Amino acid sequence: MVKSTTITRVSDGLPLAATMDDEANESELMDCKNQGKAIIKKLGPHAETRCSIESGKYVLHYLIDTGIVYMCICDRAYPRKLAFSYLDEIAKEFNMSYGEEVHRPGLRPYAFIKFDTFMQKTKTLYQDSRTQHNLGKLNEDLRDISEIMTKNMEDLLWRGDTLERMDTMSENLRTQSLKYRKDAKHLNLQALYRKYGIPAVVFLAFLLLLYIRFAWF
């Protein structure tokens, strides 16, 4: 089930809203929430927009939309498709309600805490994956979750492997691949010039001589 949800501004890590969790969950999820804050600090302009991060018996799922990161903590067995369907609903409603205000300078932490009411209602709908509502969501043709990156918390927090760094590495590989293809084409052209260039020049010169001979003499 969905345990907790936070909404944060990516640019400066400012918390905008969060679910009010009961004390039992609060103490149990404290480490996971701190890990979530550490992950958000690592996010940058090139970070993955959707990702699942495994942490013990929990998984942190997040999506980034218009500079806002929506993150929820779920039980490890909770279907990932439902988690991202939940986050999609939260993101759409939050953007419709506060989209023009979230990037305003001087905003205070948890300025939109009243949004907790909507998050709690939506979280209740998604609590049991076996309800008709959620079974329908699982059967819908939602975003292909196989494309969503899955990482381990240890990789991200202790081995220095950041989401942004991974995306940058991927972009570098694509750039290098394009450069390789361009270089290969250039080398192939050079090889063609070396192989056929001189014979082609000699042949054209011969044709020119023939033209001059028959045209002028």
N, C-alpha and C. Protein backbone atom coordinates (compact mmCIF):
# COMPACT_ATOMS: atom_id res chain seq x y z
N MET A 1 0.83 -1.19 0.00
CA MET A 1 0.00 0.00 0.00
C MET A 1 0.87 1.25 0.00
N VAL A 2 0.27 2.40 -0.33
CA VAL A 2 0.97 3.68 -0.29
C VAL A 2 1.09 4.12 1.16
N LYS A 3 2.31 4.36 1.60
CA LYS A 3 2.54 4.72 3.01
C LYS A 3 2.61 6.22 3.23
N SER A 4 3.28 6.92 2.32
CA SER A 4 3.51 8.34 2.53
C SER A 4 3.77 9.01 1.19
N THR A 5 3.46 10.31 1.10
CA THR A 5 3.66 11.05 -0.14
C THR A 5 4.21 12.44 0.15
N THR A 6 5.14 12.89 -0.67
CA THR A 6 5.68 14.24 -0.55
C THR A 6 5.71 14.90 -1.92
N ILE A 7 5.58 16.22 -1.92
CA ILE A 7 5.66 17.02 -3.15
C ILE A 7 6.72 18.09 -2.91
N THR A 8 7.72 18.14 -3.77
CA THR A 8 8.88 19.00 -3.54
C THR A 8 9.28 19.72 -4.82
N ARG A 9 9.75 20.93 -4.67
CA ARG A 9 10.28 21.68 -5.81
C ARG A 9 11.70 21.22 -6.10
N VAL A 10 11.98 20.85 -7.33
CA VAL A 10 13.27 20.27 -7.68
C VAL A 10 14.40 21.29 -7.57
N SER A 11 14.17 22.51 -8.02
CA SER A 11 15.24 23.51 -8.13
C SER A 11 15.95 23.78 -6.81
N ASP A 12 15.21 23.82 -5.71
CA ASP A 12 15.83 24.15 -4.43
C ASP A 12 15.46 23.17 -3.30
N GLY A 13 14.73 22.10 -3.63
CA GLY A 13 14.36 21.12 -2.61
C GLY A 13 13.32 21.61 -1.63
N LEU A 14 12.58 22.66 -1.98
CA LEU A 14 11.56 23.20 -1.07
C LEU A 14 10.36 22.26 -1.00
N PRO A 15 10.02 21.76 0.21
CA PRO A 15 8.83 20.91 0.34
C PRO A 15 7.57 21.75 0.19
N LEU A 16 6.65 21.30 -0.66
CA LEU A 16 5.44 22.06 -0.93
C LEU A 16 4.22 21.47 -0.22
N ALA A 17 4.17 20.14 -0.14
CA ALA A 17 3.05 19.46 0.52
C ALA A 17 3.48 18.05 0.89
N ALA A 18 2.76 17.45 1.84
CA ALA A 18 3.05 16.08 2.26
C ALA A 18 1.83 15.52 2.97
N THR A 19 1.71 14.21 2.95
CA THR A 19 0.61 13.58 3.68
C THR A 19 0.91 13.60 5.17
N MET A 20 -0.12 13.76 5.95
CA MET A 20 0.01 13.72 7.41
C MET A 20 -0.09 12.26 7.84
N ASP A 21 1.05 11.64 8.14
CA ASP A 21 1.08 10.22 8.49
C ASP A 21 0.91 10.02 9.99
N ASP A 22 0.31 8.90 10.36
CA ASP A 22 0.12 8.65 11.79
C ASP A 22 1.47 8.38 12.46
N GLU A 23 1.51 8.48 13.78
CA GLU A 23 2.77 8.40 14.51
C GLU A 23 3.48 7.06 14.31
N ALA A 24 2.72 5.97 14.22
CA ALA A 24 3.33 4.65 14.05
C ALA A 24 4.08 4.60 12.72
N ASN A 25 3.43 5.07 11.66
CA ASN A 25 4.08 5.09 10.35
C ASN A 25 5.23 6.08 10.32
N GLU A 26 5.05 7.20 11.00
CA GLU A 26 6.07 8.25 10.99
C GLU A 26 7.40 7.75 11.50
N SER A 27 7.39 7.06 12.64
CA SER A 27 8.63 6.54 13.21
C SER A 27 9.21 5.42 12.36
N GLU A 28 8.33 4.59 11.79
CA GLU A 28 8.79 3.46 10.99
C GLU A 28 9.37 3.92 9.65
N LEU A 29 8.83 5.01 9.13
CA LEU A 29 9.26 5.47 7.81
C LEU A 29 10.31 6.57 7.85
N MET A 30 10.77 6.94 9.04
CA MET A 30 11.68 8.08 9.17
C MET A 30 12.94 7.91 8.33
N ASP A 31 13.58 6.74 8.41
CA ASP A 31 14.80 6.51 7.64
C ASP A 31 14.53 6.61 6.14
N CYS A 32 13.42 6.02 5.72
CA CYS A 32 13.06 6.03 4.30
C CYS A 32 12.77 7.45 3.83
N LYS A 33 12.13 8.24 4.66
CA LYS A 33 11.84 9.63 4.30
C LYS A 33 13.13 10.44 4.18
N ASN A 34 14.07 10.20 5.08
CA ASN A 34 15.36 10.89 5.01
C ASN A 34 16.12 10.50 3.74
N GLN A 35 16.00 9.22 3.38
CA GLN A 35 16.62 8.78 2.14
C GLN A 35 15.98 9.46 0.93
N GLY A 36 14.66 9.62 1.00
CA GLY A 36 13.95 10.31 -0.08
C GLY A 36 14.43 11.74 -0.23
N LYS A 37 14.66 12.43 0.89
CA LYS A 37 15.17 13.81 0.84
C LYS A 37 16.56 13.84 0.21
N ALA A 38 17.38 12.85 0.55
CA ALA A 38 18.73 12.78 -0.02
C ALA A 38 18.67 12.54 -1.53
N ILE A 39 17.72 11.71 -1.97
CA ILE A 39 17.56 11.44 -3.40
C ILE A 39 17.15 12.72 -4.13
N ILE A 40 16.20 13.46 -3.55
CA ILE A 40 15.71 14.68 -4.18
C ILE A 40 16.84 15.69 -4.36
N LYS A 41 17.77 15.75 -3.39
CA LYS A 41 18.91 16.67 -3.50
C LYS A 41 19.81 16.30 -4.68
N LYS A 42 19.79 15.03 -5.07
CA LYS A 42 20.63 14.58 -6.17
C LYS A 42 19.99 14.81 -7.54
N LEU A 43 18.72 15.16 -7.55
CA LEU A 43 18.03 15.34 -8.83
C LEU A 43 18.49 16.63 -9.50
N GLY A 44 18.62 16.58 -10.80
CA GLY A 44 19.01 17.75 -11.58
C GLY A 44 18.20 17.82 -12.85
N PRO A 45 18.55 18.76 -13.74
CA PRO A 45 17.77 18.95 -14.97
C PRO A 45 17.78 17.75 -15.91
N HIS A 46 18.77 16.86 -15.76
CA HIS A 46 18.86 15.71 -16.65
C HIS A 46 18.51 14.39 -15.95
N ALA A 47 17.93 14.47 -14.78
CA ALA A 47 17.59 13.26 -14.04
C ALA A 47 16.43 12.52 -14.70
N GLU A 48 16.35 11.23 -14.42
CA GLU A 48 15.22 10.44 -14.91
C GLU A 48 13.92 11.04 -14.38
N THR A 49 12.91 11.13 -15.24
CA THR A 49 11.65 11.73 -14.80
C THR A 49 10.77 10.75 -14.02
N ARG A 50 11.03 9.45 -14.16
CA ARG A 50 10.29 8.43 -13.41
C ARG A 50 11.29 7.38 -12.94
N CYS A 51 11.21 7.04 -11.68
CA CYS A 51 12.18 6.07 -11.15
C CYS A 51 11.62 5.39 -9.90
N SER A 52 12.02 4.14 -9.70
CA SER A 52 11.68 3.38 -8.49
C SER A 52 12.98 3.03 -7.79
N ILE A 53 13.03 3.28 -6.48
CA ILE A 53 14.26 3.07 -5.71
C ILE A 53 13.95 2.13 -4.55
N GLU A 54 14.57 0.97 -4.57
CA GLU A 54 14.32 -0.04 -3.55
C GLU A 54 15.11 0.27 -2.28
N SER A 55 14.42 0.16 -1.15
CA SER A 55 15.06 0.42 0.14
C SER A 55 14.47 -0.53 1.20
N GLY A 56 15.14 -1.67 1.38
CA GLY A 56 14.64 -2.64 2.36
C GLY A 56 13.28 -3.17 1.96
N LYS A 57 12.33 -3.08 2.89
CA LYS A 57 10.98 -3.60 2.60
C LYS A 57 10.10 -2.57 1.92
N TYR A 58 10.68 -1.40 1.59
CA TYR A 58 9.91 -0.34 0.93
C TYR A 58 10.52 -0.01 -0.44
N VAL A 59 9.72 0.67 -1.25
CA VAL A 59 10.19 1.20 -2.52
C VAL A 59 9.73 2.65 -2.63
N LEU A 60 10.66 3.54 -2.98
CA LEU A 60 10.32 4.93 -3.22
C LEU A 60 10.10 5.12 -4.71
N HIS A 61 8.91 5.57 -5.08
CA HIS A 61 8.61 5.86 -6.49
C HIS A 61 8.50 7.37 -6.64
N TYR A 62 9.06 7.90 -7.71
CA TYR A 62 8.88 9.33 -7.93
C TYR A 62 8.68 9.62 -9.40
N LEU A 63 8.02 10.74 -9.67
CA LEU A 63 7.93 11.28 -11.02
C LEU A 63 8.17 12.78 -10.93
N ILE A 64 8.77 13.33 -11.98
CA ILE A 64 9.04 14.76 -12.06
C ILE A 64 8.18 15.36 -13.15
N ASP A 65 7.48 16.42 -12.82
CA ASP A 65 6.62 17.10 -13.80
C ASP A 65 6.69 18.59 -13.57
N THR A 66 7.03 19.35 -14.61
CA THR A 66 7.14 20.82 -14.56
C THR A 66 7.96 21.30 -13.37
N GLY A 67 9.08 20.65 -13.12
CA GLY A 67 9.97 21.09 -12.06
C GLY A 67 9.55 20.69 -10.66
N ILE A 68 8.55 19.83 -10.54
CA ILE A 68 8.08 19.36 -9.23
C ILE A 68 8.26 17.85 -9.17
N VAL A 69 8.79 17.36 -8.04
CA VAL A 69 8.95 15.92 -7.87
C VAL A 69 7.88 15.40 -6.91
N TYR A 70 7.15 14.40 -7.36
CA TYR A 70 6.11 13.75 -6.57
C TYR A 70 6.66 12.39 -6.17
N MET A 71 6.78 12.16 -4.87
CA MET A 71 7.39 10.92 -4.39
C MET A 71 6.48 10.23 -3.38
N CYS A 72 6.36 8.91 -3.52
CA CYS A 72 5.60 8.15 -2.54
C CYS A 72 6.42 6.95 -2.08
N ILE A 73 6.18 6.54 -0.84
CA ILE A 73 6.80 5.36 -0.27
C ILE A 73 5.75 4.26 -0.21
N CYS A 74 6.08 3.11 -0.78
CA CYS A 74 5.12 1.99 -0.82
C CYS A 74 5.76 0.72 -0.29
N ASP A 75 4.91 -0.20 0.12
CA ASP A 75 5.41 -1.54 0.45
C ASP A 75 6.05 -2.13 -0.80
N ARG A 76 7.05 -2.96 -0.59
CA ARG A 76 7.78 -3.55 -1.71
C ARG A 76 6.87 -4.37 -2.63
N ALA A 77 5.84 -5.01 -2.05
CA ALA A 77 4.96 -5.86 -2.85
C ALA A 77 3.88 -5.07 -3.59
N TYR A 78 3.78 -3.79 -3.34
CA TYR A 78 2.72 -2.99 -3.98
C TYR A 78 3.03 -2.83 -5.46
N PRO A 79 2.03 -3.06 -6.35
CA PRO A 79 2.28 -2.98 -7.80
C PRO A 79 2.82 -1.61 -8.23
N ARG A 80 3.89 -1.65 -9.01
CA ARG A 80 4.52 -0.42 -9.44
C ARG A 80 3.61 0.39 -10.35
N LYS A 81 2.82 -0.29 -11.18
CA LYS A 81 1.91 0.41 -12.08
C LYS A 81 0.89 1.23 -11.28
N LEU A 82 0.40 0.67 -10.18
CA LEU A 82 -0.54 1.42 -9.35
C LEU A 82 0.13 2.61 -8.69
N ALA A 83 1.37 2.43 -8.26
CA ALA A 83 2.10 3.52 -7.61
C ALA A 83 2.22 4.72 -8.55
N PHE A 84 2.56 4.46 -9.82
CA PHE A 84 2.72 5.56 -10.75
C PHE A 84 1.38 6.11 -11.24
N SER A 85 0.35 5.28 -11.24
CA SER A 85 -0.99 5.78 -11.53
C SER A 85 -1.43 6.75 -10.43
N TYR A 86 -1.13 6.37 -9.19
CA TYR A 86 -1.42 7.24 -8.04
C TYR A 86 -0.69 8.57 -8.17
N LEU A 87 0.62 8.51 -8.48
CA LEU A 87 1.41 9.73 -8.60
C LEU A 87 0.92 10.59 -9.76
N ASP A 88 0.49 9.96 -10.84
CA ASP A 88 -0.05 10.71 -11.97
C ASP A 88 -1.28 11.51 -11.56
N GLU A 89 -2.17 10.88 -10.79
CA GLU A 89 -3.38 11.59 -10.33
C GLU A 89 -3.02 12.75 -9.41
N ILE A 90 -2.07 12.51 -8.51
CA ILE A 90 -1.63 13.57 -7.60
C ILE A 90 -1.04 14.73 -8.38
N ALA A 91 -0.18 14.42 -9.35
CA ALA A 91 0.50 15.46 -10.13
C ALA A 91 -0.49 16.30 -10.93
N LYS A 92 -1.46 15.64 -11.57
CA LYS A 92 -2.44 16.36 -12.39
C LYS A 92 -3.28 17.31 -11.53
N GLU A 93 -3.74 16.83 -10.38
CA GLU A 93 -4.58 17.66 -9.51
C GLU A 93 -3.78 18.81 -8.91
N PHE A 94 -2.56 18.54 -8.49
CA PHE A 94 -1.73 19.58 -7.88
C PHE A 94 -1.40 20.65 -8.91
N ASN A 95 -1.09 20.24 -10.13
CA ASN A 95 -0.76 21.21 -11.18
C ASN A 95 -1.97 22.07 -11.53
N MET A 96 -3.18 21.46 -11.57
CA MET A 96 -4.38 22.23 -11.85
C MET A 96 -4.69 23.21 -10.72
N SER A 97 -4.40 22.80 -9.49
CA SER A 97 -4.74 23.63 -8.33
C SER A 97 -3.72 24.73 -8.06
N TYR A 98 -2.44 24.42 -8.22
CA TYR A 98 -1.39 25.36 -7.79
C TYR A 98 -0.30 25.59 -8.84
N GLY A 99 -0.54 25.15 -10.08
CA GLY A 99 0.51 25.21 -11.09
C GLY A 99 1.12 26.58 -11.29
N GLU A 100 0.34 27.64 -11.13
CA GLU A 100 0.86 29.00 -11.36
C GLU A 100 1.56 29.56 -10.14
N GLU A 101 1.50 28.87 -9.01
CA GLU A 101 2.06 29.43 -7.77
C GLU A 101 3.34 28.73 -7.30
N VAL A 102 3.56 27.50 -7.74
CA VAL A 102 4.60 26.67 -7.13
C VAL A 102 6.01 27.20 -7.31
N HIS A 103 6.25 27.99 -8.37
CA HIS A 103 7.60 28.50 -8.62
C HIS A 103 7.76 29.96 -8.20
N ARG A 104 6.80 30.44 -7.43
CA ARG A 104 6.86 31.82 -6.97
C ARG A 104 7.99 32.00 -5.95
N PRO A 105 8.82 33.04 -6.10
CA PRO A 105 9.90 33.29 -5.13
C PRO A 105 9.33 33.59 -3.74
N GLY A 106 10.08 33.24 -2.71
CA GLY A 106 9.66 33.54 -1.34
C GLY A 106 8.60 32.62 -0.79
N LEU A 107 8.34 31.53 -1.47
CA LEU A 107 7.33 30.57 -1.01
C LEU A 107 7.82 29.88 0.26
N ARG A 108 6.96 29.70 1.23
CA ARG A 108 7.34 29.05 2.49
C ARG A 108 7.21 27.54 2.38
N PRO A 109 7.98 26.79 3.19
CA PRO A 109 7.85 25.32 3.18
C PRO A 109 6.41 24.89 3.50
N TYR A 110 5.95 23.88 2.80
CA TYR A 110 4.61 23.31 2.97
C TYR A 110 3.52 24.37 2.81
N ALA A 111 3.72 25.24 1.81
CA ALA A 111 2.75 26.30 1.55
C ALA A 111 1.41 25.73 1.09
N PHE A 112 1.41 24.51 0.57
CA PHE A 112 0.18 23.91 0.05
C PHE A 112 -0.20 22.67 0.86
N ILE A 113 -0.02 22.74 2.15
CA ILE A 113 -0.28 21.59 3.02
C ILE A 113 -1.75 21.18 2.97
N LYS A 114 -2.64 22.11 2.58
CA LYS A 114 -4.06 21.77 2.48
C LYS A 114 -4.32 20.71 1.40
N PHE A 115 -3.36 20.55 0.50
CA PHE A 115 -3.51 19.54 -0.55
C PHE A 115 -3.49 18.13 0.04
N ASP A 116 -3.10 18.02 1.30
CA ASP A 116 -3.10 16.73 1.98
C ASP A 116 -4.48 16.08 1.94
N THR A 117 -5.54 16.88 1.97
CA THR A 117 -6.90 16.34 1.94
C THR A 117 -7.12 15.51 0.67
N PHE A 118 -6.71 16.06 -0.47
CA PHE A 118 -6.87 15.31 -1.72
C PHE A 118 -5.97 14.08 -1.73
N MET A 119 -4.74 14.22 -1.24
CA MET A 119 -3.80 13.08 -1.25
C MET A 119 -4.31 11.95 -0.37
N GLN A 120 -4.89 12.28 0.77
CA GLN A 120 -5.40 11.24 1.66
C GLN A 120 -6.57 10.49 1.01
N LYS A 121 -7.47 11.23 0.36
CA LYS A 121 -8.60 10.58 -0.32
C LYS A 121 -8.11 9.67 -1.44
N THR A 122 -7.15 10.17 -2.21
CA THR A 122 -6.63 9.38 -3.32
C THR A 122 -5.84 8.18 -2.81
N LYS A 123 -5.09 8.38 -1.75
CA LYS A 123 -4.31 7.29 -1.16
C LYS A 123 -5.23 6.18 -0.68
N THR A 124 -6.38 6.55 -0.12
CA THR A 124 -7.36 5.55 0.34
C THR A 124 -7.86 4.70 -0.81
N LEU A 125 -8.09 5.35 -1.96
CA LEU A 125 -8.56 4.61 -3.14
C LEU A 125 -7.53 3.57 -3.59
N TYR A 126 -6.25 3.88 -3.38
CA TYR A 126 -5.18 3.02 -3.88
C TYR A 126 -4.62 2.08 -2.81
N GLN A 127 -5.21 2.06 -1.62
CA GLN A 127 -4.66 1.24 -0.54
C GLN A 127 -4.64 -0.25 -0.86
N ASP A 128 -5.73 -0.76 -1.36
CA ASP A 128 -5.85 -2.20 -1.62
C ASP A 128 -5.80 -2.45 -3.13
N SER A 129 -4.78 -3.15 -3.58
CA SER A 129 -4.61 -3.39 -5.02
C SER A 129 -5.66 -4.34 -5.58
N ARG A 130 -6.46 -4.97 -4.70
CA ARG A 130 -7.44 -5.95 -5.17
C ARG A 130 -8.83 -5.35 -5.38
N THR A 131 -9.02 -4.05 -5.07
CA THR A 131 -10.33 -3.45 -5.28
C THR A 131 -10.62 -3.32 -6.77
N GLN A 132 -11.89 -3.16 -7.10
CA GLN A 132 -12.28 -3.07 -8.51
C GLN A 132 -11.63 -1.88 -9.18
N HIS A 133 -11.54 -0.77 -8.45
CA HIS A 133 -10.91 0.44 -8.98
C HIS A 133 -9.47 0.17 -9.38
N ASN A 134 -8.72 -0.49 -8.50
CA ASN A 134 -7.30 -0.71 -8.76
C ASN A 134 -7.06 -1.85 -9.74
N LEU A 135 -7.93 -2.85 -9.74
CA LEU A 135 -7.81 -3.90 -10.75
C LEU A 135 -8.02 -3.30 -12.14
N GLY A 136 -8.94 -2.35 -12.22
CA GLY A 136 -9.16 -1.67 -13.49
C GLY A 136 -7.93 -0.89 -13.91
N LYS A 137 -7.30 -0.22 -12.94
CA LYS A 137 -6.08 0.53 -13.24
C LYS A 137 -4.97 -0.39 -13.73
N LEU A 138 -4.86 -1.56 -13.13
CA LEU A 138 -3.82 -2.50 -13.53
C LEU A 138 -4.05 -3.01 -14.95
N ASN A 139 -5.32 -3.09 -15.35
CA ASN A 139 -5.64 -3.59 -16.68
C ASN A 139 -5.61 -2.52 -17.75
N GLU A 140 -5.58 -1.26 -17.33
CA GLU A 140 -5.52 -0.17 -18.30
C GLU A 140 -4.18 -0.16 -19.01
N ASP A 141 -4.18 0.40 -20.22
CA ASP A 141 -2.94 0.51 -20.98
C ASP A 141 -2.23 1.79 -20.54
N LEU A 142 -1.66 1.74 -19.33
CA LEU A 142 -0.95 2.89 -18.80
C LEU A 142 0.46 2.92 -19.37
N ARG A 143 1.24 3.88 -18.93
CA ARG A 143 2.64 3.98 -19.37
C ARG A 143 3.36 2.66 -19.13
N ASP A 144 4.18 2.26 -20.08
CA ASP A 144 4.92 1.00 -19.98
C ASP A 144 5.92 1.11 -18.84
N ILE A 145 5.66 0.41 -17.73
CA ILE A 145 6.53 0.54 -16.57
C ILE A 145 7.88 -0.13 -16.77
N SER A 146 8.00 -0.93 -17.84
CA SER A 146 9.29 -1.56 -18.10
C SER A 146 10.35 -0.52 -18.46
N GLU A 147 9.90 0.68 -18.88
CA GLU A 147 10.83 1.74 -19.25
C GLU A 147 11.24 2.57 -18.04
N ILE A 148 10.62 2.32 -16.89
CA ILE A 148 10.94 3.11 -15.70
C ILE A 148 12.15 2.50 -15.00
N MET A 149 13.13 3.32 -14.72
CA MET A 149 14.36 2.85 -14.10
C MET A 149 14.11 2.36 -12.68
N THR A 150 14.76 1.28 -12.32
CA THR A 150 14.72 0.77 -10.96
C THR A 150 16.14 0.74 -10.41
N LYS A 151 16.33 1.36 -9.26
CA LYS A 151 17.65 1.41 -8.65
C LYS A 151 17.58 0.95 -7.20
N ASN A 152 18.75 0.65 -6.65
CA ASN A 152 18.85 0.28 -5.25
C ASN A 152 19.35 1.48 -4.46
N MET A 153 18.78 1.68 -3.27
CA MET A 153 19.15 2.83 -2.46
C MET A 153 20.65 2.87 -2.18
N GLU A 154 21.25 1.72 -1.97
CA GLU A 154 22.68 1.67 -1.68
C GLU A 154 23.49 2.24 -2.85
N ASP A 155 23.07 1.91 -4.07
CA ASP A 155 23.78 2.41 -5.25
C ASP A 155 23.75 3.93 -5.30
N LEU A 156 22.60 4.50 -4.94
CA LEU A 156 22.42 5.93 -5.07
C LEU A 156 23.06 6.73 -3.94
N LEU A 157 22.96 6.23 -2.71
CA LEU A 157 23.40 7.01 -1.56
C LEU A 157 24.82 6.69 -1.09
N TRP A 158 25.27 5.45 -1.30
CA TRP A 158 26.56 5.06 -0.75
C TRP A 158 27.65 4.85 -1.80
N ARG A 159 27.25 4.55 -3.04
CA ARG A 159 28.26 4.32 -4.07
C ARG A 159 28.43 5.52 -4.98
N GLY A 160 27.76 6.60 -4.65
CA GLY A 160 27.93 7.83 -5.41
C GLY A 160 27.37 7.79 -6.81
N ASP A 161 26.47 6.90 -7.07
CA ASP A 161 25.89 6.75 -8.41
C ASP A 161 24.60 7.54 -8.47
N THR A 162 24.63 8.76 -9.01
CA THR A 162 23.46 9.62 -9.01
C THR A 162 22.63 9.41 -10.26
N LEU A 163 21.36 9.73 -10.15
CA LEU A 163 20.45 9.61 -11.29
C LEU A 163 20.87 10.53 -12.42
N GLU A 164 21.30 11.73 -12.05
CA GLU A 164 21.71 12.69 -13.07
C GLU A 164 22.98 12.21 -13.77
N ARG A 165 23.90 11.64 -12.99
CA ARG A 165 25.15 11.14 -13.58
C ARG A 165 24.85 10.02 -14.56
N MET A 166 23.93 9.13 -14.20
CA MET A 166 23.58 8.04 -15.10
C MET A 166 22.98 8.57 -16.39
N ASP A 167 22.13 9.58 -16.29
CA ASP A 167 21.53 10.14 -17.48
C ASP A 167 22.59 10.84 -18.33
N THR A 168 23.54 11.53 -17.67
CA THR A 168 24.61 12.19 -18.40
C THR A 168 25.48 11.18 -19.13
N MET A 169 25.78 10.06 -18.45
CA MET A 169 26.56 9.01 -19.09
C MET A 169 25.84 8.46 -20.32
N SER A 170 24.54 8.28 -20.20
CA SER A 170 23.75 7.79 -21.32
C SER A 170 23.79 8.77 -22.48
N GLU A 171 23.67 10.07 -22.16
CA GLU A 171 23.71 11.10 -23.20
C GLU A 171 25.08 11.14 -23.87
N ASN A 172 26.14 10.97 -23.07
CA ASN A 172 27.50 10.95 -23.62
C ASN A 172 27.69 9.78 -24.57
N LEU A 173 27.13 8.63 -24.21
CA LEU A 173 27.23 7.46 -25.08
C LEU A 173 26.53 7.70 -26.41
N ARG A 174 25.35 8.36 -26.34
CA ARG A 174 24.64 8.67 -27.58
C ARG A 174 25.44 9.64 -28.44
N THR A 175 26.05 10.66 -27.80
CA THR A 175 26.85 11.64 -28.53
C THR A 175 28.07 10.98 -29.17
N GLN A 176 28.73 10.12 -28.40
CA GLN A 176 29.90 9.44 -28.92
C GLN A 176 29.53 8.52 -30.08
N SER A 177 28.36 7.88 -29.97
CA SER A 177 27.91 7.00 -31.05
C SER A 177 27.68 7.79 -32.33
N LEU A 178 27.05 8.97 -32.22
CA LEU A 178 26.82 9.81 -33.39
C LEU A 178 28.14 10.28 -33.99
N LYS A 179 29.09 10.66 -33.10
CA LYS A 179 30.40 11.11 -33.57
C LYS A 179 31.12 9.98 -34.29
N TYR A 180 31.00 8.77 -33.75
CA TYR A 180 31.64 7.61 -34.38
C TYR A 180 31.09 7.38 -35.78
N ARG A 181 29.76 7.50 -35.92
CA ARG A 181 29.16 7.29 -37.23
C ARG A 181 29.62 8.35 -38.23
N LYS A 182 29.71 9.61 -37.76
CA LYS A 182 30.18 10.68 -38.64
C LYS A 182 31.62 10.45 -39.05
N ASP A 183 32.45 10.08 -38.07
CA ASP A 183 33.87 9.81 -38.37
C ASP A 183 34.01 8.64 -39.34
N ALA A 184 33.16 7.62 -39.15
CA ALA A 184 33.23 6.46 -40.04
C ALA A 184 32.87 6.84 -41.47
N LYS A 185 31.86 7.70 -41.64
CA LYS A 185 31.48 8.16 -42.98
C LYS A 185 32.61 8.97 -43.60
N HIS A 186 33.24 9.81 -42.78
CA HIS A 186 34.34 10.65 -43.28
C HIS A 186 35.51 9.77 -43.73
N LEU A 187 35.84 8.76 -42.93
CA LEU A 187 36.94 7.85 -43.28
C LEU A 187 36.61 7.07 -44.54
N ASN A 188 35.37 6.65 -44.69
CA ASN A 188 34.96 5.92 -45.89
C ASN A 188 35.09 6.79 -47.13
N LEU A 189 34.72 8.07 -47.01
CA LEU A 189 34.86 8.99 -48.13
C LEU A 189 36.33 9.19 -48.50
N GLN A 190 37.17 9.32 -47.45
CA GLN A 190 38.60 9.48 -47.71
C GLN A 190 39.17 8.25 -48.42
N ALA A 191 38.71 7.07 -48.01
CA ALA A 191 39.18 5.84 -48.64
C ALA A 191 38.75 5.78 -50.11
N LEU A 192 37.53 6.23 -50.38
CA LEU A 192 37.05 6.27 -51.77
C LEU A 192 37.85 7.24 -52.61
N TYR A 193 38.18 8.41 -52.01
CA TYR A 193 38.98 9.39 -52.73
C TYR A 193 40.36 8.83 -53.08
N ARG A 194 40.97 8.16 -52.09
CA ARG A 194 42.31 7.61 -52.32
C ARG A 194 42.27 6.50 -53.37
N LYS A 195 41.20 5.73 -53.38
CA LYS A 195 41.12 4.59 -54.29
C LYS A 195 40.73 5.01 -55.70
N TYR A 196 39.77 5.93 -55.81
CA TYR A 196 39.26 6.28 -57.13
C TYR A 196 39.56 7.71 -57.55
N GLY A 197 40.14 8.50 -56.67
CA GLY A 197 40.36 9.92 -56.97
C GLY A 197 41.28 10.14 -58.15
N ILE A 198 42.51 9.55 -58.11
CA ILE A 198 43.49 9.75 -59.18
C ILE A 198 42.99 9.19 -60.51
N PRO A 199 42.47 7.92 -60.53
CA PRO A 199 41.93 7.42 -61.80
C PRO A 199 40.82 8.31 -62.35
N ALA A 200 39.98 8.85 -61.47
CA ALA A 200 38.90 9.71 -61.93
C ALA A 200 39.44 10.99 -62.54
N VAL A 201 40.49 11.58 -61.92
CA VAL A 201 41.09 12.80 -62.44
C VAL A 201 41.74 12.53 -63.81
N VAL A 202 42.46 11.40 -63.91
CA VAL A 202 43.10 11.03 -65.18
C VAL A 202 42.06 10.84 -66.27
N PHE A 203 40.98 10.17 -65.92
CA PHE A 203 39.91 9.91 -66.90
C PHE A 203 39.27 11.21 -67.37
N LEU A 204 39.01 12.12 -66.43
CA LEU A 204 38.40 13.41 -66.79
C LEU A 204 39.35 14.23 -67.66
N ALA A 205 40.67 14.16 -67.32
CA ALA A 205 41.65 14.89 -68.13
C ALA A 205 41.70 14.33 -69.56
N PHE A 206 41.61 13.01 -69.68
CA PHE A 206 41.60 12.37 -70.98
C PHE A 206 40.38 12.80 -71.80
N LEU A 207 39.22 12.84 -71.13
CA LEU A 207 38.01 13.29 -71.82
C LEU A 207 38.12 14.74 -72.26
N LEU A 208 38.76 15.57 -71.40
CA LEU A 208 38.94 16.99 -71.74
C LEU A 208 39.83 17.14 -72.96
N LEU A 209 40.92 16.35 -73.02
CA LEU A 209 41.83 16.40 -74.17
C LEU A 209 41.10 15.99 -75.45
N LEU A 210 40.28 14.92 -75.33
CA LEU A 210 39.52 14.49 -76.50
C LEU A 210 38.56 15.58 -76.97
N TYR A 211 37.91 16.24 -76.04
CA TYR A 211 36.98 17.30 -76.38
C TYR A 211 37.69 18.45 -77.09
N ILE A 212 38.84 18.84 -76.53
CA ILE A 212 39.60 19.95 -77.13
C ILE A 212 40.07 19.59 -78.53
N ARG A 213 40.53 18.37 -78.67
CA ARG A 213 41.05 17.92 -79.98
C ARG A 213 39.97 17.96 -81.06
N PHE A 214 38.81 17.36 -80.74
CA PHE A 214 37.77 17.27 -81.77
C PHE A 214 36.95 18.54 -81.91
N ALA A 215 36.94 19.37 -80.82
CA ALA A 215 36.14 20.59 -80.90
C ALA A 215 36.91 21.70 -81.60
N TRP A 216 38.22 21.73 -81.41
CA TRP A 216 38.99 22.85 -81.92
C TRP A 216 39.89 22.49 -83.13
N PHE A 217 40.10 21.22 -83.28
CA PHE A 217 40.97 20.84 -84.41
C PHE A 217 40.15 20.03 -85.39
